[in-house]
Protein backbone atom coordinates (compact mmCIF):
# COMPACT_ATOMS: atom_id res chain seq x y z
CA MET A 1 63.42 -37.90 -9.23
CA ALA A 2 64.78 -35.29 -6.83
CA ASP A 3 65.87 -36.39 -3.36
CA THR A 4 65.21 -33.01 -1.74
CA ILE A 5 62.51 -30.38 -1.91
CA GLY A 6 65.04 -27.69 -2.75
CA LEU A 7 64.94 -25.62 0.42
CA VAL A 8 68.60 -25.82 1.46
CA GLY A 9 71.02 -23.08 0.58
CA ASP A 10 69.06 -19.87 0.48
CA GLY A 11 67.55 -19.76 3.96
CA ASP A 12 64.17 -21.19 3.03
CA ASP A 13 64.86 -24.24 5.21
CA VAL A 14 65.48 -22.04 8.24
CA ASP A 15 62.39 -19.95 7.50
CA LEU A 16 60.27 -23.09 7.23
CA LEU A 17 61.52 -24.54 10.52
CA GLN A 18 61.03 -21.23 12.32
CA ALA A 19 57.48 -20.97 10.99
CA ILE A 20 56.69 -24.52 12.14
CA GLU A 21 58.23 -23.89 15.57
CA GLN A 22 56.22 -20.68 15.94
CA SER A 23 52.97 -22.18 14.67
CA PHE A 24 53.11 -25.21 16.96
CA GLN A 25 54.99 -23.54 19.83
CA VAL A 26 57.78 -26.14 19.79
CA ARG A 27 61.58 -26.04 19.50
CA PHE A 28 63.65 -28.53 17.54
CA GLY A 29 67.24 -27.49 18.32
CA ASP A 30 70.28 -29.11 16.73
CA GLU A 31 68.53 -32.38 15.94
CA THR A 32 67.43 -30.88 12.63
CA THR A 33 70.93 -31.45 11.26
CA ARG A 34 70.30 -35.22 11.48
CA TRP A 35 67.02 -35.14 9.55
CA SER A 36 67.05 -36.27 5.96
CA THR A 37 63.33 -36.51 5.13
CA ILE A 38 60.11 -34.68 5.80
CA GLY A 39 59.14 -37.80 7.74
CA ASP A 40 61.90 -37.00 10.24
CA LEU A 41 60.40 -33.55 10.74
CA HIS A 42 56.93 -35.03 11.06
CA GLN A 43 58.03 -37.53 13.73
CA ALA A 44 59.77 -34.81 15.73
CA LEU A 45 56.71 -32.56 15.54
CA VAL A 46 54.30 -35.29 16.61
CA ALA A 47 56.60 -36.19 19.52
CA ARG A 48 56.50 -32.60 20.79
CA ILE A 49 52.77 -32.01 20.58
CA ALA A 50 51.36 -32.70 24.01
CA PRO A 51 48.26 -34.85 24.28
CA GLY A 52 45.25 -32.63 24.96
CA SER A 53 46.73 -29.56 23.28
CA GLY A 54 43.72 -28.34 21.42
CA PRO A 55 40.89 -30.30 19.84
CA ASP A 56 42.55 -33.42 18.45
CA LEU A 57 45.63 -31.47 17.31
CA ARG A 58 47.98 -34.37 17.90
CA ALA A 59 45.72 -36.77 15.98
CA ARG A 60 45.43 -34.36 13.04
CA ILE A 61 49.21 -33.93 12.87
CA ALA A 62 49.84 -37.66 13.24
CA GLY A 63 47.71 -38.34 10.19
CA PRO A 64 45.49 -41.26 9.31
CA THR A 65 46.03 -44.65 10.88
CA PRO A 66 45.70 -47.99 9.11
CA SER A 67 42.22 -49.46 9.15
CA GLY A 68 41.43 -50.90 12.57
CA ALA A 69 44.44 -49.28 14.27
CA ARG A 70 44.17 -46.74 17.04
CA CYS A 71 46.29 -43.68 17.72
CA ALA A 72 48.19 -43.72 21.00
CA SER A 73 47.13 -40.91 23.28
């Protein structure tokens, strides 16, 4: 099983991050060098999306919650 999604080395990783930053109007900066999983990216994105920015955008990005749990707002 591969431990990466194969984006590093040819600029695809930079293109992906730039597209995400542009789409969500966020900036990640140098912290990306410390990420090792897509979960790290996901956490950083959720942390930057302001509550109330569009119809339930933060909740949609955060993903499903366990049964009975509530999303923090």
